[in-house]
Amino acid sequence: MNTPARGSHVPRRRFGQHFLHDEAVLAQIVAAVAARAGDRLVEIGPGEGALTGPLLATGIALTVIELDRDLAARLRARAHPRLEVVEADVLDVDLAALASRLGGPLRLVGNLPYNISTPILFQALAAAEHLVDMHFMLQKEVVVRMAAEPGSRDYGRLSVMLQARCQVQPLFDVAPHAFRPPPKVDSAVVRLLPTAPQRAAVNDPARFAAIVKAAFAQRRKTLRNSLRSLVDSDALARVGIDPGQRAEQVPVDAWIALANAATNISPGAG
């Protein structure tokens, strides 16, 4: 069992805390972010500030969002003139409003708590028009799912939802020993760019989300059956989707085309 150093914070399991401490990995993240003067950088879950310090050392202003009040207090105690500490659950933070307050689109970075990483990703996705990019540390298997191609076992709802709005770029893997305490899984850093000029726009995000959710909720069923309450076989065929296919066989562009063509779907369906 790893014993925390004197004066260090005892990780709280309920917050899913695993503190990154490997200086080489921290340097890789800072290099990947490549912060520039004028960036509106927001760090999610700064913890003990292992990444916060190197980011501030680049000369940028930094806003951090920390739920743990003890850690938030430690960060405030630094009294750094370019550091703003927001003590809150990131899932309760309105990213669009934060971007407006800070004066423009945000760049997000963070070692996300693995127990709520997917909700955070969907929250960021909903605010994609207010983001420049995202650099996140996540469980490696989540990053694999995010970047998965159609037809693979890892391709699913998360893959489609993210790839419809972002370019997903896995950057590098991180071993468990880089954290305190070490997680039981490997991790990876991924870059998300909310610009996908090669794709058609999603006209109605709620409708798109409803279709994708319904299709992947019953992966073993054909689309003819899993989407029966939302679209008929003729609608699928009109956009080039075989009704006999399963969800994991359909590329992202086809999901976008289906949602844009299916004007009679209730956004809350599925």
Foldseek 3Di string as FASTA:
>chain_A
DDDDDPPADDDDVVQLDWAFADPVVLVVLLVVVVDDEPAAEEEEACHQVNNVVVNVVVVYAYEYEHQDPVSLVNVVVVVDPRYHYHHDDVLPDQQVVVLVVSPAAHEYEYAHRAVCVVVVVVSCLVVQVRHAKYKYKYFVLVLCLCCDFFPDPSDALNVLSQVLFWDKAWDDKAAQVSIVVRDPGIITIIMIGRDDPVADHQPDSLLLSQLRCQQRVCQVAFQCPSCVVQDHQVLLVVLPHHSRHGSSNDGNRSSSVSSVSRPPGDSPHD
